[in-house]
Amino acid sequence: MSAAAAIFIITLFLGIYLVALGLQGTVVILVAAVVLDAFTGFQVVEPKHLVLLAILSVIVETTDAIVGISNAARPRLSRYAVVLSLVGGIIGAALLTPLFYGLGTITGLFLGGFAGKLLVERVERRKLKPSFRETGKASFIRNVSIFIKGTAAVGMTVFLLTHVYS
């Protein structure tokens, strides 16, 4: 495996991890695909597929932004959330890889990271006074939005990896 392919795969995993934290990871995945394709002379992924990935990324990020605007403010990312999300992602990937191989690694990274972030949010929410807590409905809607965005990020990553290694 070349260094460029390794950097590409690490960037895809970083994008999935950022989505698990509630950040714009689909944009990172899209930029990685465009950069890789530009370096290979648009031989790996066809431009029409890049356009479809861009449309998917815009739709998912716009939907997430609308959900963020219509609901309560997102909780800040603490060091604990980042660390526990990283640990959860590693554990999730380790648990799902033997069952589903590469897809298990990608899905486990997202699901474990997402679970770690949710655990920290839940603990931090209990420390707040009830009037400062996010409502259950707002939290549920925000987390469903992140889960949908994560599903799109996993799909984008699987699509790109199948094109790179086909």
Foldseek 3Di string as FASTA:
>chain_A
DDPLVVVLLVQLLVLLLCLLVVHLSLVSNLVSLVVVCVVVVNPQPHPVVSVVSVVLSVVLVVVLVVLCVVFDHDDDDDPQLSVQLQVQLVVQLVVQCVVPNPLSNLVRNNVRSNVSNVVVLVVVQVVDDPVPHGDPVSVVSNSVSSVVVSVSSSVSSVVSVVSNVD
